[in-house]
Amino acid sequence: MTDAAPQESAQTALFDWHVEQGARMVNFAGWQMPIQYSSIVQEHNATRNNVTVFDVSHMGRLRFNGDGAAALLDRLLTRSVADMKVGQVRYSLICNHDGGVLDDVLVYHLETPSGTRYFLLVVNASNREKIIQWINAQWPDESTVELCDRTLETSMLAVQGPYALATVDPLVGADVSGMPYFRAKVTDQMNKPCIVSRTGYTGEDGVELIIRKDQTQHVLQNIMASGRQFDISPAGLGARDTLRLESAMPLYGHELDETINPFEAGLDFAVSLNDADGNPREFIGSEVLADMATAGGQRQRIGLVMDGRRAARDGYPVLAGGETVGIVTSGTFSPTLQQPIAMAYVPAELAVTGQELEVDIRGKLVPATVSRLPFYQKPKRT
C-alpha cells in the first residue's frame, strides 16, 4: 500500500480550460478548483433544467486489487462489499472505533475488459490522505491486497441534469440510459477507456466518468459537443454545494465528522450491522454502532426553512424558547425553492416536521420551521 497525497494546490487536467472559461478559481482541499463560471444561481438552475458538467477530479480514487480486497473493505466499511456484484456501486461510511464518521464514500465493484475484478473507493478530497493512512494502520497484512492511489493519474467528470443521459449515451460503449442508479461499468468513450457510473451529488439524474488524465481534454470536448443541443454549460463547486444542500446530501466537515455518528446524521441505511444471512458483521466500530442503533435521545440532523432572503450559515445557533439547542451545519438561499434553507443538529425531541425554532443570524432571531428532507426531489420526467 502507498500513501501519496496531492501536492499543495494541485491542478486538475482542466485547469487551463477553467481559466479560459472565466472561472473563479480557489484553493479547495489542496486543489485549484472552479467555484463558478457565470453565477452560482445560473449554474444551479442549468443543472436543474438542462445539463451541466462538473470537474470533480479532486475527489480521491483508490483502487484495491487482489484476493484480499473484499475482506479489507468489509472490515473498513459500514456496508458489506462481500455480496456486491460486478457493476454495483454502494454509498458507505468509514467509521472510527468510537462510531464517528471518518469519511463517506462510494465503493465500486468493477471488472476490466480482460476479466480482472477489483474495487474502487471514491473518497472526499480533504480526507484522502487521512483515509489512506487509516487503511494502512488497520490492515497490516498487505500480502493479499494492493492499494493503488489513482487520483493523480485520472480525472473525474460529473455530467448532471435532466439531459445528462442523452448527452453521454452516444459517447460511451454502454447503455447509460438503461443502467440502474448506483451501477457502473468499465467501458470506453470514443475508444478511450473510462469508467461510467450512474451517480452524482446534485439530486438530478446523471453520470460520473473516470478517465485517464491525459485524455481529459478530448473527453470533455466530446461531452460539450454532444450536449450542445441541450445547452450544456460548465458548473463549479458553488452550484454543486447548493444543489446537494437542496437534496439534503451531507457534506463532510459540515453534516459529517468524527464526532458525528451515522444514526445522528440519518444515514441508518448506510450501516449494515448484519450480513446477507442475518449474521452480525464485524467491522471497525460495529459494536459501538450496534449499541447506538438502539439508543434513544440522540441529536438528529434536520432541515430548516425560513422566510425572507437571509441565509443561515454554518455555525449559526439554533434556538428553542430562547435557549440554544443546536447549530446550523449548512445553509443557503435555495435557487429552486426561492427561500432560505439549512441543515442543523438538534435534540431528537425537536426533530419533528413542523416544529417551530429560531436561528440566530448575526444577532437577529429569525423564525425557522423543521422541514422534511430532502428539500427538493427531482420531478418524474417523461
Protein backbone atom coordinates (compact mmCIF):
# COMPACT_ATOMS: atom_id res chain seq x y z
CA MET A 1 0.00 0.00 0.00
CA THR A 2 1.16 3.52 -0.71
CA ASP A 3 0.47 7.00 0.59
CA ALA A 4 0.66 9.76 -2.00
CA ALA A 5 -1.23 12.93 -1.12
CA PRO A 6 -1.71 15.62 -3.74
CA GLN A 7 0.87 18.37 -3.78
CA GLU A 8 -0.04 21.75 -2.33
CA SER A 9 -2.60 23.49 -4.54
CA ALA A 10 -2.62 20.78 -7.21
CA GLN A 11 -4.19 21.44 -10.60
CA THR A 12 -6.59 19.16 -12.43
CA ALA A 13 -6.09 18.37 -16.12
CA LEU A 14 -8.69 21.03 -16.94
CA PHE A 15 -7.13 23.92 -15.01
CA ASP A 16 -6.24 25.93 -18.12
CA TRP A 17 -9.68 25.25 -19.63
CA HIS A 18 -11.39 26.51 -16.49
CA VAL A 19 -9.36 29.72 -16.64
CA GLU A 20 -10.19 30.17 -20.34
CA GLN A 21 -13.88 29.84 -19.48
CA GLY A 22 -13.56 32.68 -16.97
CA ALA A 23 -13.92 30.51 -13.88
CA ARG A 24 -13.14 31.92 -10.45
CA MET A 25 -10.53 29.54 -9.08
CA VAL A 26 -9.92 28.88 -5.39
CA ASN A 27 -7.82 26.52 -3.33
CA PHE A 28 -10.16 23.74 -2.21
CA ALA A 29 -8.80 20.78 -0.24
CA GLY A 30 -5.35 21.37 -1.75
CA TRP A 31 -6.61 21.70 -5.33
CA GLN A 32 -7.17 24.71 -7.58
CA MET A 33 -10.87 24.29 -8.37
CA PRO A 34 -13.52 26.37 -10.15
CA ILE A 35 -16.12 27.80 -7.76
CA GLN A 36 -18.20 29.42 -10.52
CA TYR A 37 -18.07 30.49 -14.17
CA SER A 38 -21.10 32.75 -14.60
CA SER A 39 -23.05 32.77 -11.34
CA ILE A 40 -23.84 30.05 -8.84
CA VAL A 41 -27.57 30.55 -9.36
CA GLN A 42 -27.31 30.29 -13.15
CA GLU A 43 -25.22 27.12 -12.92
CA HIS A 44 -27.57 25.69 -10.30
CA ASN A 45 -30.62 26.31 -12.49
CA ALA A 46 -28.84 24.97 -15.58
CA THR A 47 -28.29 21.70 -13.71
CA ARG A 48 -31.92 21.50 -12.62
CA ASN A 49 -33.29 22.33 -16.09
CA ASN A 50 -30.74 21.32 -18.72
CA VAL A 51 -27.33 19.69 -18.28
CA THR A 52 -24.00 20.76 -16.81
CA VAL A 53 -20.54 19.28 -16.47
CA PHE A 54 -18.50 19.46 -13.26
CA ASP A 55 -14.79 18.80 -12.89
CA VAL A 56 -14.62 16.68 -9.72
CA SER A 57 -11.11 15.38 -10.28
CA HIS A 58 -10.13 16.48 -6.78
CA MET A 59 -12.04 13.52 -5.34
CA GLY A 60 -9.79 10.66 -4.25
CA ARG A 61 -9.85 7.46 -6.32
CA LEU A 62 -8.36 4.41 -4.62
CA ARG A 63 -8.16 1.07 -6.40
CA PHE A 64 -7.97 -2.22 -4.49
CA ASN A 65 -6.56 -5.29 -6.24
CA GLY A 66 -6.06 -8.83 -5.01
CA ASP A 67 -7.91 -11.68 -3.37
CA GLY A 68 -7.99 -9.87 -0.04
CA ALA A 69 -9.62 -6.67 -1.34
CA ALA A 70 -13.19 -7.65 -0.45
CA ALA A 71 -12.19 -8.72 3.06
CA LEU A 72 -10.27 -5.48 3.58
CA LEU A 73 -13.18 -3.29 2.56
CA ASP A 74 -15.66 -5.41 4.50
CA ARG A 75 -13.65 -4.64 7.64
CA LEU A 76 -13.35 -0.92 6.85
CA LEU A 77 -16.83 -0.04 5.58
CA THR A 78 -20.15 0.17 7.35
CA ARG A 79 -21.80 -1.59 4.42
CA SER A 80 -20.73 -5.02 3.27
CA VAL A 81 -18.99 -5.47 -0.05
CA ALA A 82 -18.88 -9.27 0.16
CA ASP A 83 -22.19 -9.60 -1.67
CA MET A 84 -21.59 -6.84 -4.24
CA LYS A 85 -21.98 -7.96 -7.82
CA VAL A 86 -19.78 -6.64 -10.59
CA GLY A 87 -21.14 -3.28 -11.65
CA GLN A 88 -22.67 -2.35 -8.31
CA VAL A 89 -21.89 0.91 -6.52
CA ARG A 90 -22.71 1.48 -2.85
CA TYR A 91 -22.72 4.54 -0.65
CA SER A 92 -20.99 3.72 2.61
CA LEU A 93 -19.15 5.20 5.56
CA ILE A 94 -15.77 4.64 7.14
CA CYS A 95 -16.06 4.96 10.91
CA ASN A 96 -13.51 5.04 13.71
CA HIS A 97 -13.58 2.70 16.68
CA ASP A 98 -15.97 5.05 18.51
CA GLY A 99 -18.50 5.10 15.66
CA GLY A 100 -17.58 8.59 14.45
CA VAL A 101 -17.50 9.14 10.70
CA LEU A 102 -14.05 9.36 9.13
CA ASP A 103 -15.49 9.78 5.63
CA ASP A 104 -18.47 8.99 3.44
CA VAL A 105 -17.51 7.14 0.28
CA LEU A 106 -18.69 5.34 -2.83
CA VAL A 107 -17.40 1.80 -3.35
CA TYR A 108 -17.47 0.27 -6.84
CA HIS A 109 -17.07 -3.41 -7.78
CA LEU A 110 -15.67 -3.42 -11.31
CA GLU A 111 -14.24 -5.73 -13.94
CA THR A 112 -11.76 -4.85 -16.67
CA PRO A 113 -12.36 -5.97 -20.29
CA SER A 114 -9.80 -8.72 -19.69
CA GLY A 115 -11.80 -10.10 -16.75
CA THR A 116 -9.81 -8.74 -13.79
CA ARG A 117 -12.05 -7.75 -10.91
CA TYR A 118 -11.25 -5.00 -8.46
CA PHE A 119 -12.81 -2.47 -6.11
CA LEU A 120 -12.67 1.29 -6.39
CA LEU A 121 -13.21 3.67 -3.48
CA VAL A 122 -14.08 7.31 -4.19
CA VAL A 123 -13.33 9.43 -1.12
CA ASN A 124 -13.58 13.11 -0.29
CA ALA A 125 -10.62 15.18 -1.41
CA SER A 126 -9.98 16.62 2.05
CA ASN A 127 -9.91 13.12 3.57
CA ARG A 128 -7.85 11.25 1.00
CA GLU A 129 -4.54 11.28 2.87
CA LYS A 130 -6.27 10.53 6.17
CA ILE A 131 -8.15 7.56 4.73
CA ILE A 132 -5.02 6.07 3.13
CA GLN A 133 -3.20 6.35 6.45
CA TRP A 134 -6.18 4.81 8.26
CA ILE A 135 -6.24 1.86 5.86
CA ASN A 136 -2.51 1.28 6.28
CA ALA A 137 -2.86 1.33 10.06
CA GLN A 138 -5.86 -1.02 10.17
CA TRP A 139 -4.68 -3.62 7.66
CA PRO A 140 -1.03 -4.52 8.31
CA ASP A 141 -1.09 -7.68 6.17
CA GLU A 142 -0.54 -6.42 2.64
CA SER A 143 0.18 -9.77 1.03
CA THR A 144 -3.30 -10.33 -0.42
CA VAL A 145 -4.30 -6.78 -1.30
CA GLU A 146 -2.76 -3.92 -3.23
CA LEU A 147 -3.92 -0.34 -2.79
CA CYS A 148 -3.23 1.94 -5.75
CA ASP A 149 -3.95 5.65 -5.41
CA ARG A 150 -5.17 6.57 -8.91
CA THR A 151 -6.14 10.16 -8.11
CA LEU A 152 -3.24 11.87 -9.85
CA GLU A 153 -3.33 9.56 -12.88
CA THR A 154 -7.01 10.03 -13.64
CA SER A 155 -9.73 12.67 -13.91
CA MET A 156 -13.38 12.59 -12.88
CA LEU A 157 -16.19 14.46 -14.63
CA ALA A 158 -19.81 14.65 -13.48
CA VAL A 159 -22.47 15.23 -16.14
CA GLN A 160 -25.67 16.15 -14.33
CA GLY A 161 -29.20 17.26 -15.17
CA PRO A 162 -32.35 16.05 -16.97
CA TYR A 163 -30.44 15.80 -20.28
CA ALA A 164 -27.29 14.22 -18.86
CA LEU A 165 -28.06 10.70 -20.05
CA ALA A 166 -28.99 11.89 -23.54
CA THR A 167 -25.67 13.75 -23.64
CA VAL A 168 -23.49 10.84 -22.58
CA ASP A 169 -25.34 7.92 -24.18
CA PRO A 170 -23.96 8.44 -27.71
CA LEU A 171 -20.41 8.76 -26.41
CA VAL A 172 -19.78 5.62 -24.37
CA GLY A 173 -19.82 1.92 -25.11
CA ALA A 174 -22.58 1.29 -22.59
CA ASP A 175 -26.33 1.79 -22.40
CA VAL A 176 -26.26 4.56 -19.81
CA SER A 177 -30.00 5.23 -20.00
CA GLY A 178 -30.69 1.56 -19.27
CA MET A 179 -28.23 1.48 -16.39
CA PRO A 180 -29.92 1.50 -12.96
CA TYR A 181 -28.93 4.03 -10.33
CA PHE A 182 -25.74 3.17 -8.46
CA ARG A 183 -24.43 0.99 -11.25
CA ALA A 184 -21.11 1.35 -13.07
CA LYS A 185 -19.20 -0.19 -15.93
CA VAL A 186 -15.67 -0.19 -17.28
CA THR A 187 -16.19 0.83 -20.89
CA ASP A 188 -14.83 3.35 -23.38
CA GLN A 189 -15.50 6.89 -24.53
CA MET A 190 -14.85 7.21 -28.26
CA ASN A 191 -12.35 4.33 -27.92
CA LYS A 192 -10.77 5.88 -24.84
CA PRO A 193 -11.02 3.72 -21.68
CA CYS A 194 -13.27 5.05 -18.94
CA ILE A 195 -15.49 4.08 -16.03
CA VAL A 196 -19.05 5.34 -16.26
CA SER A 197 -21.37 5.29 -13.24
CA ARG A 198 -24.92 6.48 -12.78
CA THR A 199 -24.11 8.54 -9.72
CA GLY A 200 -23.87 12.18 -8.72
CA TYR A 201 -24.06 14.75 -5.95
CA THR A 202 -26.75 17.10 -7.24
CA GLY A 203 -30.10 15.39 -6.73
CA GLU A 204 -30.55 15.25 -10.50
CA ASP A 205 -30.05 12.33 -12.83
CA GLY A 206 -26.62 12.00 -14.33
CA VAL A 207 -23.39 10.10 -14.64
CA GLU A 208 -19.82 10.38 -13.47
CA LEU A 209 -16.90 9.46 -15.72
CA ILE A 210 -13.45 8.41 -14.55
CA ILE A 211 -10.90 8.72 -17.33
CA ARG A 212 -7.16 8.82 -17.85
CA LYS A 213 -5.72 12.25 -17.10
CA ASP A 214 -4.07 12.64 -20.50
CA GLN A 215 -7.42 12.08 -22.24
CA THR A 216 -9.47 14.53 -20.18
CA GLN A 217 -9.48 17.38 -22.69
CA HIS A 218 -10.55 15.04 -25.50
CA VAL A 219 -13.39 13.54 -23.47
CA LEU A 220 -14.59 16.95 -22.28
CA GLN A 221 -14.70 18.23 -25.86
CA ASN A 222 -16.87 15.27 -26.84
CA ILE A 223 -19.23 15.86 -23.91
CA MET A 224 -19.58 19.56 -24.71
CA ALA A 225 -20.22 18.80 -28.40
CA SER A 226 -22.82 16.14 -27.62
CA GLY A 227 -24.56 18.35 -25.08
CA ARG A 228 -24.65 21.46 -27.23
CA GLN A 229 -28.18 20.62 -28.38
CA PHE A 230 -29.24 20.72 -24.72
CA ASP A 231 -27.42 23.99 -23.99
CA ILE A 232 -24.76 22.29 -21.87
CA SER A 233 -22.58 24.51 -19.71
CA PRO A 234 -19.86 24.08 -17.07
CA ALA A 235 -20.71 24.36 -13.39
CA GLY A 236 -18.46 24.90 -10.40
CA LEU A 237 -18.27 23.77 -6.80
CA GLY A 238 -20.51 26.63 -5.67
CA ALA A 239 -23.51 25.27 -7.56
CA ARG A 240 -22.57 21.73 -6.57
CA ASP A 241 -22.93 22.80 -2.94
CA THR A 242 -26.33 24.47 -3.33
CA LEU A 243 -27.59 21.50 -5.36
CA ARG A 244 -26.50 18.92 -2.79
CA LEU A 245 -27.93 21.04 0.04
CA GLU A 246 -31.36 21.22 -1.62
CA SER A 247 -31.16 17.44 -1.94
CA ALA A 248 -30.11 17.12 1.75
CA MET A 249 -26.90 15.29 0.90
CA PRO A 250 -24.39 15.53 3.77
CA LEU A 251 -21.06 17.24 3.25
CA TYR A 252 -18.06 16.03 5.20
CA GLY A 253 -16.84 18.69 7.60
CA HIS A 254 -20.37 20.03 7.94
CA GLU A 255 -23.01 17.32 8.45
CA LEU A 256 -20.38 14.63 9.00
CA ASP A 257 -17.19 14.41 11.03
CA GLU A 258 -15.53 12.20 13.63
CA THR A 259 -17.81 13.50 16.40
CA ILE A 260 -20.99 12.56 14.50
CA ASN A 261 -22.29 9.01 14.16
CA PRO A 262 -24.33 7.69 11.21
CA PHE A 263 -27.61 7.47 13.12
CA GLU A 264 -27.49 11.12 14.20
CA ALA A 265 -26.90 12.01 10.57
CA GLY A 266 -29.91 10.00 9.40
CA LEU A 267 -27.70 7.56 7.49
CA ASP A 268 -29.06 4.36 9.01
CA PHE A 269 -29.32 2.87 5.51
CA ALA A 270 -25.54 3.13 5.14
CA VAL A 271 -24.87 0.86 8.14
CA SER A 272 -25.26 -2.90 7.66
CA LEU A 273 -24.90 -4.45 11.10
CA ASN A 274 -25.77 -7.90 9.71
CA ASP A 275 -24.68 -9.72 6.59
CA ALA A 276 -26.96 -11.13 3.88
CA ASP A 277 -27.59 -14.24 6.03
CA GLY A 278 -28.56 -12.20 9.08
CA ASN A 279 -25.35 -12.81 10.97
CA PRO A 280 -23.67 -9.90 12.80
CA ARG A 281 -20.94 -8.22 10.77
CA GLU A 282 -17.61 -7.33 12.32
CA PHE A 283 -16.19 -4.08 11.04
CA ILE A 284 -14.41 -1.17 12.67
CA GLY A 285 -16.89 0.46 15.03
CA SER A 286 -19.55 -2.24 14.60
CA GLU A 287 -20.03 -2.99 18.31
CA VAL A 288 -20.40 0.66 19.23
CA LEU A 289 -22.70 1.30 16.29
CA ALA A 290 -24.88 -1.67 17.25
CA ASP A 291 -25.43 -0.04 20.64
CA MET A 292 -26.08 3.34 19.07
CA ALA A 293 -28.68 1.86 16.73
CA THR A 294 -30.98 1.11 19.65
CA ALA A 295 -30.06 4.04 21.87
CA GLY A 296 -32.60 6.82 22.17
CA GLY A 297 -32.21 10.52 22.79
CA GLN A 298 -29.52 11.20 20.20
CA ARG A 299 -29.46 14.51 18.41
CA GLN A 300 -30.74 14.41 14.85
CA ARG A 301 -29.95 16.09 11.56
CA ILE A 302 -32.90 18.22 10.46
CA GLY A 303 -33.91 20.55 7.67
CA LEU A 304 -34.96 24.13 8.33
CA VAL A 305 -36.88 26.54 6.11
CA MET A 306 -37.12 30.26 6.79
CA ASP A 307 -38.91 33.29 5.44
CA GLY A 308 -37.15 36.24 3.86
CA ARG A 309 -33.89 36.02 1.98
CA ARG A 310 -31.21 35.93 4.70
CA ALA A 311 -29.48 32.56 4.74
CA ALA A 312 -28.31 30.79 7.88
CA ARG A 313 -24.68 29.71 7.65
CA ASP A 314 -22.51 27.01 9.15
CA GLY A 315 -22.10 27.61 12.88
CA TYR A 316 -25.18 29.78 13.46
CA PRO A 317 -27.03 28.85 16.69
CA VAL A 318 -30.48 27.22 16.60
CA LEU A 319 -32.79 28.19 19.47
CA ALA A 320 -36.00 26.95 21.08
CA GLY A 321 -37.71 29.01 23.77
CA GLY A 322 -34.81 31.41 23.84
CA GLU A 323 -32.27 28.66 24.60
CA THR A 324 -29.60 27.42 22.20
CA VAL A 325 -30.47 23.82 21.27
CA GLY A 326 -28.37 23.17 18.21
CA ILE A 327 -26.19 24.50 15.44
CA VAL A 328 -26.55 25.02 11.70
CA THR A 329 -24.19 22.85 9.65
CA SER A 330 -25.02 24.15 6.14
CA GLY A 331 -27.29 26.86 4.81
CA THR A 332 -28.08 28.81 1.65
CA PHE A 333 -30.79 30.69 -0.19
CA SER A 334 -32.34 27.96 -2.33
CA PRO A 335 -32.45 28.94 -6.01
CA THR A 336 -35.09 26.28 -6.68
CA LEU A 337 -37.38 26.92 -3.71
CA GLN A 338 -36.70 30.66 -3.51
CA GLN A 339 -36.33 30.66 0.26
CA PRO A 340 -33.56 30.16 2.82
CA ILE A 341 -32.89 26.53 3.76
CA ALA A 342 -30.46 24.94 6.19
CA MET A 343 -29.48 21.70 7.85
CA ALA A 344 -28.74 21.51 11.56
CA TYR A 345 -28.40 19.16 14.52
CA VAL A 346 -30.92 19.46 17.38
CA PRO A 347 -32.17 17.18 20.18
CA ALA A 348 -34.36 14.32 18.97
CA GLU A 349 -37.49 15.71 20.63
CA LEU A 350 -37.24 18.83 18.47
CA ALA A 351 -36.57 16.96 15.24
CA VAL A 352 -40.25 16.90 14.29
CA THR A 353 -41.61 18.22 11.00
CA GLY A 354 -43.41 21.48 11.66
CA GLN A 355 -41.54 22.25 14.88
CA GLU A 356 -41.02 25.98 15.25
CA LEU A 357 -37.46 27.08 16.07
CA GLU A 358 -35.31 30.15 15.59
CA VAL A 359 -31.90 30.76 14.06
CA ASP A 360 -29.59 33.49 15.28
CA ILE A 361 -28.45 35.22 12.09
CA ARG A 362 -25.86 37.77 13.15
CA GLY A 363 -27.75 38.76 16.27
CA LYS A 364 -31.25 38.67 14.80
CA LEU A 365 -33.56 35.77 15.71
CA VAL A 366 -35.23 34.52 12.53
CA PRO A 367 -38.18 32.07 12.74
CA ALA A 368 -37.40 28.65 11.26
CA THR A 369 -39.57 25.58 10.73
CA VAL A 370 -38.35 21.98 10.74
CA SER A 371 -38.87 20.60 7.22
CA ARG A 372 -38.92 17.18 5.66
CA LEU A 373 -35.71 16.13 3.95
CA PRO A 374 -34.80 16.35 1.18
CA PHE A 375 -35.95 19.87 0.46
CA TYR A 376 -36.02 19.07 -3.28
CA GLN A 377 -36.73 15.91 -5.24
CA LYS A 378 -36.34 15.83 -8.97
CA PRO A 379 -39.64 15.57 -10.83
CA LYS A 380 -40.54 12.46 -12.76
CA ARG A 381 -39.89 13.22 -16.40
CA THR A 382 -41.45 11.52 -19.38
